[in-house]
Amino acid sequence: IPKGSAVVPLCIEGQEYSSPDFSALIEKISLEVS
């Protein structure tokens, strides 16, 4: 895992997202880290 990277594990207990919500999540992450 690169230093400073946001970490998103894929696991059964994770949250389900619609595609537009997943897009918004990636946008949000991109505002916080590169």
PDB file of all heavy atoms in Angstrom:
ATOM      1  N   ILE A   1       0.852  -1.190   0.000  1.00  0.00           N
ATOM      2  CA  ILE A   1       0.000   0.000   0.000  1.00  0.00           C
ATOM      3  C   ILE A   1       0.890   1.242   0.000  1.00  0.00           C
ATOM      4  O   ILE A   1       1.687   1.435   0.913  1.00  0.00           O
ATOM      5  CB  ILE A   1      -0.943   0.024   1.223  1.00  0.00           C
ATOM      6  CG1 ILE A   1      -1.891  -1.193   1.194  1.00  0.00           C
ATOM      7  CG2 ILE A   1      -1.734   1.333   1.266  1.00  0.00           C
ATOM      8  CD1 ILE A   1      -2.701  -1.381   2.463  1.00  0.00           C
ATOM      9  N   PRO A   2       0.749   2.094  -1.026  1.00  0.00           N
ATOM     10  CA  PRO A   2       1.568   3.308  -1.071  1.00  0.00           C
ATOM     11  C   PRO A   2       1.253   4.247   0.097  1.00  0.00           C
ATOM     12  O   PRO A   2       0.094   4.381   0.498  1.00  0.00           O
ATOM     13  CB  PRO A   2       1.178   3.960  -2.407  1.00  0.00           C
ATOM     14  CG  PRO A   2       0.588   2.863  -3.221  1.00  0.00           C
ATOM     15  CD  PRO A   2      -0.071   1.935  -2.231  1.00  0.00           C
ATOM     16  N   LYS A   3       2.268   4.888   0.609  1.00  0.00           N
ATOM     17  CA  LYS A   3       2.102   5.851   1.702  1.00  0.00           C
ATOM     18  C   LYS A   3       1.152   6.965   1.265  1.00  0.00           C
ATOM     19  O   LYS A   3       1.218   7.454   0.149  1.00  0.00           O
ATOM     20  CB  LYS A   3       3.444   6.471   2.079  1.00  0.00           C
ATOM     21  CG  LYS A   3       4.444   5.484   2.649  1.00  0.00           C
ATOM     22  CD  LYS A   3       4.406   5.503   4.155  1.00  0.00           C
ATOM     23  CE  LYS A   3       5.518   4.678   4.760  1.00  0.00           C
ATOM     24  NZ  LYS A   3       5.175   3.294   4.962  1.00  0.00           N
ATOM     25  N   GLY A   4       0.234   7.345   2.154  1.00  0.00           N
ATOM     26  CA  GLY A   4      -0.683   8.433   1.889  1.00  0.00           C
ATOM     27  C   GLY A   4      -1.887   8.065   1.039  1.00  0.00           C
ATOM     28  O   GLY A   4      -2.711   8.915   0.726  1.00  0.00           O
ATOM     29  N   SER A   5      -1.980   6.809   0.667  1.00  0.00           N
ATOM     30  CA  SER A   5      -3.096   6.357  -0.163  1.00  0.00           C
ATOM     31  C   SER A   5      -4.319   6.067   0.700  1.00  0.00           C
ATOM     32  O   SER A   5      -4.204   5.511   1.784  1.00  0.00           O
ATOM     33  CB  SER A   5      -2.673   5.080  -0.897  1.00  0.00           C
ATOM     34  OG  SER A   5      -3.745   4.536  -1.637  1.00  0.00           O
ATOM     35  N   ALA A   6      -5.501   6.446   0.205  1.00  0.00           N
ATOM     36  CA  ALA A   6      -6.743   6.017   0.854  1.00  0.00           C
ATOM     37  C   ALA A   6      -6.876   4.522   0.594  1.00  0.00           C
ATOM     38  O   ALA A   6      -6.561   4.043  -0.497  1.00  0.00           O
ATOM     39  CB  ALA A   6      -7.930   6.762   0.278  1.00  0.00           C
ATOM     40  N   VAL A   7      -7.329   3.773   1.578  1.00  0.00           N
ATOM     41  CA  VAL A   7      -7.451   2.321   1.458  1.00  0.00           C
ATOM     42  C   VAL A   7      -8.929   1.954   1.460  1.00  0.00           C
ATOM     43  O   VAL A   7      -9.683   2.365   2.340  1.00  0.00           O
ATOM     44  CB  VAL A   7      -6.709   1.606   2.616  1.00  0.00           C
ATOM     45  CG1 VAL A   7      -6.908   0.101   2.557  1.00  0.00           C
ATOM     46  CG2 VAL A   7      -5.231   1.966   2.597  1.00  0.00           C
ATOM     47  N   VAL A   8      -9.331   1.162   0.444  1.00  0.00           N
ATOM     48  CA  VAL A   8     -10.719   0.708   0.336  1.00  0.00           C
ATOM     49  C   VAL A   8     -10.713  -0.810   0.157  1.00  0.00           C
ATOM     50  O   VAL A   8     -10.547  -1.315  -0.951  1.00  0.00           O
ATOM     51  CB  VAL A   8     -11.461   1.385  -0.844  1.00  0.00           C
ATOM     52  CG1 VAL A   8     -12.905   0.900  -0.912  1.00  0.00           C
ATOM     53  CG2 VAL A   8     -11.399   2.904  -0.742  1.00  0.00           C
ATOM     54  N   PRO A   9     -10.863  -1.546   1.264  1.00  0.00           N
ATOM     55  CA  PRO A   9     -10.924  -3.003   1.165  1.00  0.00           C
ATOM     56  C   PRO A   9     -12.271  -3.454   0.595  1.00  0.00           C
ATOM     57  O   PRO A   9     -13.305  -2.852   0.900  1.00  0.00           O
ATOM     58  CB  PRO A   9     -10.776  -3.484   2.606  1.00  0.00           C
ATOM     59  CG  PRO A   9     -10.459  -2.275   3.419  1.00  0.00           C
ATOM     60  CD  PRO A   9     -10.882  -1.092   2.644  1.00  0.00           C
ATOM     61  N   LEU A  10     -12.253  -4.483  -0.234  1.00  0.00           N
ATOM     62  CA  LEU A  10     -13.488  -5.100  -0.706  1.00  0.00           C
ATOM     63  C   LEU A  10     -13.798  -6.259   0.215  1.00  0.00           C
ATOM     64  O   LEU A  10     -12.977  -7.182   0.365  1.00  0.00           O
ATOM     65  CB  LEU A  10     -13.334  -5.601  -2.143  1.00  0.00           C
ATOM     66  CG  LEU A  10     -13.601  -4.561  -3.237  1.00  0.00           C
ATOM     67  CD1 LEU A  10     -12.496  -3.529  -3.269  1.00  0.00           C
ATOM     68  CD2 LEU A  10     -13.746  -5.240  -4.570  1.00  0.00           C
ATOM     69  N   CYS A  11     -14.945  -6.207   0.870  1.00  0.00           N
ATOM     70  CA  CYS A  11     -15.327  -7.263   1.796  1.00  0.00           C
ATOM     71  C   CYS A  11     -16.841  -7.299   1.944  1.00  0.00           C
ATOM     72  O   CYS A  11     -17.517  -6.306   1.707  1.00  0.00           O
ATOM     73  CB  CYS A  11     -14.642  -7.076   3.154  1.00  0.00           C
ATOM     74  SG  CYS A  11     -14.814  -5.439   3.884  1.00  0.00           S
ATOM     75  N   ILE A  12     -17.340  -8.440   2.331  1.00  0.00           N
ATOM     76  CA  ILE A  12     -18.779  -8.671   2.418  1.00  0.00           C
ATOM     77  C   ILE A  12     -19.461  -7.696   3.375  1.00  0.00           C
ATOM     78  O   ILE A  12     -20.600  -7.292   3.160  1.00  0.00           O
ATOM     79  CB  ILE A  12     -19.085 -10.149   2.769  1.00  0.00           C
ATOM     80  CG1 ILE A  12     -20.548 -10.487   2.470  1.00  0.00           C
ATOM     81  CG2 ILE A  12     -18.755 -10.466   4.198  1.00  0.00           C
ATOM     82  CD1 ILE A  12     -20.802 -10.911   1.069  1.00  0.00           C
ATOM     83  N   GLU A  13     -18.750  -7.280   4.421  1.00  0.00           N
ATOM     84  CA  GLU A  13     -19.354  -6.359   5.383  1.00  0.00           C
ATOM     85  C   GLU A  13     -19.218  -4.894   4.964  1.00  0.00           C
ATOM     86  O   GLU A  13     -19.650  -3.994   5.682  1.00  0.00           O
ATOM     87  CB  GLU A  13     -18.792  -6.575   6.797  1.00  0.00           C
ATOM     88  CG  GLU A  13     -17.322  -6.338   6.933  1.00  0.00           C
ATOM     89  CD  GLU A  13     -16.462  -7.578   6.707  1.00  0.00           C
ATOM     90  OE1 GLU A  13     -16.838  -8.459   5.938  1.00  0.00           O
ATOM     91  OE2 GLU A  13     -15.381  -7.645   7.306  1.00  0.00           O
ATOM     92  N   GLY A  14     -18.664  -4.667   3.775  1.00  0.00           N
ATOM     93  CA  GLY A  14     -18.534  -3.316   3.261  1.00  0.00           C
ATOM     94  C   GLY A  14     -19.873  -2.745   2.828  1.00  0.00           C
ATOM     95  O   GLY A  14     -20.898  -3.420   2.864  1.00  0.00           O
ATOM     96  N   GLN A  15     -19.839  -1.497   2.411  1.00  0.00           N
ATOM     97  CA  GLN A  15     -21.054  -0.801   1.981  1.00  0.00           C
ATOM     98  C   GLN A  15     -21.273  -1.026   0.487  1.00  0.00           C
ATOM     99  O   GLN A  15     -20.332  -1.028  -0.297  1.00  0.00           O
ATOM    100  CB  GLN A  15     -20.915   0.691   2.265  1.00  0.00           C
ATOM    101  CG  GLN A  15     -22.146   1.483   1.933  1.00  0.00           C
ATOM    102  CD  GLN A  15     -22.033   2.934   2.358  1.00  0.00           C
ATOM    103  OE1 GLN A  15     -21.236   3.285   3.218  1.00  0.00           O
ATOM    104  NE2 GLN A  15     -22.836   3.783   1.767  1.00  0.00           N
ATOM    105  N   GLU A  16     -22.526  -1.208   0.110  1.00  0.00           N
ATOM    106  CA  GLU A  16     -22.901  -1.302  -1.294  1.00  0.00           C
ATOM    107  C   GLU A  16     -23.183   0.114  -1.799  1.00  0.00           C
ATOM    108  O   GLU A  16     -23.751   0.924  -1.086  1.00  0.00           O
ATOM    109  CB  GLU A  16     -24.145  -2.164  -1.462  1.00  0.00           C
ATOM    110  CG  GLU A  16     -23.925  -3.613  -1.081  1.00  0.00           C
ATOM    111  CD  GLU A  16     -25.194  -4.439  -1.207  1.00  0.00           C
ATOM    112  OE1 GLU A  16     -25.928  -4.261  -2.203  1.00  0.00           O
ATOM    113  OE2 GLU A  16     -25.452  -5.253  -0.301  1.00  0.00           O
ATOM    114  N   TYR A  17     -22.770   0.397  -3.026  1.00  0.00           N
ATOM    115  CA  TYR A  17     -22.979   1.699  -3.642  1.00  0.00           C
ATOM    116  C   TYR A  17     -23.637   1.521  -5.003  1.00  0.00           C
ATOM    117  O   TYR A  17     -23.328   0.581  -5.727  1.00  0.00           O
ATOM    118  CB  TYR A  17     -21.637   2.414  -3.880  1.00  0.00           C
ATOM    119  CG  TYR A  17     -20.931   2.865  -2.637  1.00  0.00           C
ATOM    120  CD1 TYR A  17     -20.070   2.013  -1.950  1.00  0.00           C
ATOM    121  CD2 TYR A  17     -21.106   4.163  -2.147  1.00  0.00           C
ATOM    122  CE1 TYR A  17     -19.417   2.443  -0.803  1.00  0.00           C
ATOM    123  CE2 TYR A  17     -20.455   4.586  -1.009  1.00  0.00           C
ATOM    124  CZ  TYR A  17     -19.608   3.721  -0.342  1.00  0.00           C
ATOM    125  OH  TYR A  17     -18.957   4.136   0.795  1.00  0.00           O
ATOM    126  N   SER A  18     -24.488   2.466  -5.367  1.00  0.00           N
ATOM    127  CA  SER A  18     -24.935   2.544  -6.755  1.00  0.00           C
ATOM    128  C   SER A  18     -23.736   3.086  -7.548  1.00  0.00           C
ATOM    129  O   SER A  18     -22.801   3.655  -6.953  1.00  0.00           O
ATOM    130  CB  SER A  18     -26.123   3.496  -6.889  1.00  0.00           C
ATOM    131  OG  SER A  18     -25.719   4.827  -6.604  1.00  0.00           O
ATOM    132  N   SER A  19     -23.765   2.965  -8.851  1.00  0.00           N
ATOM    133  CA  SER A  19     -22.655   3.495  -9.650  1.00  0.00           C
ATOM    134  C   SER A  19     -22.492   5.002  -9.484  1.00  0.00           C
ATOM    135  O   SER A  19     -21.360   5.477  -9.298  1.00  0.00           O
ATOM    136  CB  SER A  19     -22.815   3.099 -11.122  1.00  0.00           C
ATOM    137  OG  SER A  19     -22.708   1.700 -11.250  1.00  0.00           O
ATOM    138  N   PRO A  20     -23.570   5.789  -9.502  1.00  0.00           N
ATOM    139  CA  PRO A  20     -23.387   7.229  -9.254  1.00  0.00           C
ATOM    140  C   PRO A  20     -22.830   7.537  -7.857  1.00  0.00           C
ATOM    141  O   PRO A  20     -21.998   8.434  -7.697  1.00  0.00           O
ATOM    142  CB  PRO A  20     -24.799   7.810  -9.428  1.00  0.00           C
ATOM    143  CG  PRO A  20     -25.477   6.852 -10.361  1.00  0.00           C
ATOM    144  CD  PRO A  20     -24.940   5.500  -9.954  1.00  0.00           C
ATOM    145  N   ASP A  21     -23.248   6.788  -6.853  1.00  0.00           N
ATOM    146  CA  ASP A  21     -22.722   6.999  -5.497  1.00  0.00           C
ATOM    147  C   ASP A  21     -21.251   6.599  -5.405  1.00  0.00           C
ATOM    148  O   ASP A  21     -20.462   7.234  -4.703  1.00  0.00           O
ATOM    149  CB  ASP A  21     -23.542   6.236  -4.464  1.00  0.00           C
ATOM    150  CG  ASP A  21     -24.928   6.839  -4.246  1.00  0.00           C
ATOM    151  OD1 ASP A  21     -25.154   8.005  -4.640  1.00  0.00           O
ATOM    152  OD2 ASP A  21     -25.795   6.127  -3.692  1.00  0.00           O
ATOM    153  N   PHE A  22     -20.880   5.541  -6.113  1.00  0.00           N
ATOM    154  CA  PHE A  22     -19.475   5.116  -6.139  1.00  0.00           C
ATOM    155  C   PHE A  22     -18.626   6.190  -6.823  1.00  0.00           C
ATOM    156  O   PHE A  22     -17.525   6.506  -6.376  1.00  0.00           O
ATOM    157  CB  PHE A  22     -19.350   3.760  -6.845  1.00  0.00           C
ATOM    158  CG  PHE A  22     -17.961   3.177  -6.823  1.00  0.00           C
ATOM    159  CD1 PHE A  22     -17.288   2.958  -5.641  1.00  0.00           C
ATOM    160  CD2 PHE A  22     -17.337   2.831  -8.013  1.00  0.00           C
ATOM    161  CE1 PHE A  22     -16.015   2.413  -5.615  1.00  0.00           C
ATOM    162  CE2 PHE A  22     -16.066   2.275  -8.007  1.00  0.00           C
ATOM    163  CZ  PHE A  22     -15.398   2.072  -6.816  1.00  0.00           C
ATOM    164  N   SER A  23     -19.167   6.777  -7.883  1.00  0.00           N
ATOM    165  CA  SER A  23     -18.478   7.869  -8.567  1.00  0.00           C
ATOM    166  C   SER A  23     -18.254   9.033  -7.598  1.00  0.00           C
ATOM    167  O   SER A  23     -17.154   9.601  -7.539  1.00  0.00           O
ATOM    168  CB  SER A  23     -19.300   8.324  -9.773  1.00  0.00           C
ATOM    169  OG  SER A  23     -18.684   9.419 -10.406  1.00  0.00           O
ATOM    170  N   ALA A  24     -19.284   9.372  -6.831  1.00  0.00           N
ATOM    171  CA  ALA A  24     -19.173  10.457  -5.852  1.00  0.00           C
ATOM    172  C   ALA A  24     -18.136  10.129  -4.776  1.00  0.00           C
ATOM    173  O   ALA A  24     -17.385  11.008  -4.331  1.00  0.00           O
ATOM    174  CB  ALA A  24     -20.530  10.733  -5.212  1.00  0.00           C
ATOM    175  N   LEU A  25     -18.084   8.859  -4.369  1.00  0.00           N
ATOM    176  CA  LEU A  25     -17.083   8.435  -3.380  1.00  0.00           C
ATOM    177  C   LEU A  25     -15.676   8.654  -3.917  1.00  0.00           C
ATOM    178  O   LEU A  25     -14.807   9.193  -3.215  1.00  0.00           O
ATOM    179  CB  LEU A  25     -17.285   6.958  -3.013  1.00  0.00           C
ATOM    180  CG  LEU A  25     -16.201   6.351  -2.125  1.00  0.00           C
ATOM    181  CD1 LEU A  25     -16.228   6.965  -0.721  1.00  0.00           C
ATOM    182  CD2 LEU A  25     -16.353   4.833  -2.042  1.00  0.00           C
ATOM    183  N   ILE A  26     -15.423   8.237  -5.153  1.00  0.00           N
ATOM    184  CA  ILE A  26     -14.087   8.407  -5.736  1.00  0.00           C
ATOM    185  C   ILE A  26     -13.754   9.894  -5.862  1.00  0.00           C
ATOM    186  O   ILE A  26     -12.622  10.308  -5.572  1.00  0.00           O
ATOM    187  CB  ILE A  26     -13.973   7.666  -7.082  1.00  0.00           C
ATOM    188  CG1 ILE A  26     -13.999   6.152  -6.817  1.00  0.00           C
ATOM    189  CG2 ILE A  26     -12.687   8.066  -7.818  1.00  0.00           C
ATOM    190  CD1 ILE A  26     -13.973   5.287  -8.061  1.00  0.00           C
ATOM    191  N   GLU A  27     -14.735  10.710  -6.248  1.00  0.00           N
ATOM    192  CA  GLU A  27     -14.506  12.161  -6.319  1.00  0.00           C
ATOM    193  C   GLU A  27     -14.129  12.720  -4.948  1.00  0.00           C
ATOM    194  O   GLU A  27     -13.204  13.525  -4.823  1.00  0.00           O
ATOM    195  CB  GLU A  27     -15.753  12.882  -6.831  1.00  0.00           C
ATOM    196  CG  GLU A  27     -15.904  12.845  -8.327  1.00  0.00           C
ATOM    197  CD  GLU A  27     -17.052  13.722  -8.807  1.00  0.00           C
ATOM    198  OE1 GLU A  27     -17.180  14.869  -8.311  1.00  0.00           O
ATOM    199  OE2 GLU A  27     -17.796  13.254  -9.674  1.00  0.00           O
ATOM    200  N   LYS A  28     -14.856  12.282  -3.912  1.00  0.00           N
ATOM    201  CA  LYS A  28     -14.582  12.743  -2.549  1.00  0.00           C
ATOM    202  C   LYS A  28     -13.170  12.344  -2.122  1.00  0.00           C
ATOM    203  O   LYS A  28     -12.422  13.146  -1.566  1.00  0.00           O
ATOM    204  CB  LYS A  28     -15.617  12.150  -1.592  1.00  0.00           C
ATOM    205  CG  LYS A  28     -15.447  12.566  -0.143  1.00  0.00           C
ATOM    206  CD  LYS A  28     -16.549  11.965   0.725  1.00  0.00           C
ATOM    207  CE  LYS A  28     -16.345  12.292   2.171  1.00  0.00           C
ATOM    208  NZ  LYS A  28     -15.797  11.199   2.942  1.00  0.00           N
ATOM    209  N   ILE A  29     -12.801  11.089  -2.383  1.00  0.00           N
ATOM    210  CA  ILE A  29     -11.457  10.624  -2.038  1.00  0.00           C
ATOM    211  C   ILE A  29     -10.408  11.453  -2.765  1.00  0.00           C
ATOM    212  O   ILE A  29      -9.388  11.844  -2.187  1.00  0.00           O
ATOM    213  CB  ILE A  29     -11.299   9.117  -2.339  1.00  0.00           C
ATOM    214  CG1 ILE A  29     -12.148   8.289  -1.360  1.00  0.00           C
ATOM    215  CG2 ILE A  29      -9.833   8.697  -2.281  1.00  0.00           C
ATOM    216  CD1 ILE A  29     -12.255   6.811  -1.705  1.00  0.00           C
ATOM    217  N   SER A  30     -10.662  11.766  -4.054  1.00  0.00           N
ATOM    218  CA  SER A  30      -9.677  12.512  -4.851  1.00  0.00           C
ATOM    219  C   SER A  30      -9.454  13.927  -4.322  1.00  0.00           C
ATOM    220  O   SER A  30      -8.412  14.533  -4.583  1.00  0.00           O
ATOM    221  CB  SER A  30     -10.089  12.555  -6.325  1.00  0.00           C
ATOM    222  OG  SER A  30     -11.159  13.450  -6.520  1.00  0.00           O
ATOM    223  N   LEU A  31     -10.427  14.469  -3.586  1.00  0.00           N
ATOM    224  CA  LEU A  31     -10.264  15.794  -2.987  1.00  0.00           C
ATOM    225  C   LEU A  31      -9.397  15.742  -1.734  1.00  0.00           C
ATOM    226  O   LEU A  31      -8.843  16.759  -1.316  1.00  0.00           O
ATOM    227  CB  LEU A  31     -11.630  16.402  -2.651  1.00  0.00           C
ATOM    228  CG  LEU A  31     -12.548  16.697  -3.838  1.00  0.00           C
ATOM    229  CD1 LEU A  31     -13.922  17.131  -3.346  1.00  0.00           C
ATOM    230  CD2 LEU A  31     -11.926  17.732  -4.761  1.00  0.00           C
ATOM    231  N   GLU A  32      -9.290  14.552  -1.135  1.00  0.00           N
ATOM    232  CA  GLU A  32      -8.544  14.393   0.108  1.00  0.00           C
ATOM    233  C   GLU A  32      -7.117  13.905  -0.115  1.00  0.00           C
ATOM    234  O   GLU A  32      -6.198  14.305   0.588  1.00  0.00           O
ATOM    235  CB  GLU A  32      -9.285  13.417   1.029  1.00  0.00           C
ATOM    236  CG  GLU A  32     -10.664  13.915   1.447  1.00  0.00           C
ATOM    237  CD  GLU A  32     -11.498  12.847   2.143  1.00  0.00           C
ATOM    238  OE1 GLU A  32     -11.010  11.727   2.365  1.00  0.00           O
ATOM    239  OE2 GLU A  32     -12.671  13.146   2.450  1.00  0.00           O
ATOM    240  N   VAL A  33      -6.946  12.973  -1.067  1.00  0.00           N
ATOM    241  CA  VAL A  33      -5.629  12.376  -1.341  1.00  0.00           C
ATOM    242  C   VAL A  33      -5.459  12.191  -2.846  1.00  0.00           C
ATOM    243  O   VAL A  33      -6.431  12.255  -3.601  1.00  0.00           O
ATOM    244  CB  VAL A  33      -5.464  11.008  -0.627  1.00  0.00           C
ATOM    245  CG1 VAL A  33      -5.431  11.159   0.882  1.00  0.00           C
ATOM    246  CG2 VAL A  33      -6.540  10.034  -1.043  1.00  0.00           C
ATOM    247  N   SER A  34      -4.232  11.941  -3.274  1.00  0.00           N
ATOM    248  CA  SER A  34      -3.981  11.780  -4.716  1.00  0.00           C
ATOM    249  C   SER A  34      -3.952  10.316  -5.151  1.00  0.00           C
ATOM    250  O   SER A  34      -3.750  10.030  -6.331  1.00  0.00           O
ATOM    251  CB  SER A  34      -2.666  12.456  -5.093  1.00  0.00           C
ATOM    252  OG  SER A  34      -1.600  11.853  -4.384  1.00  0.00           O
TER     253      SER A  34
END
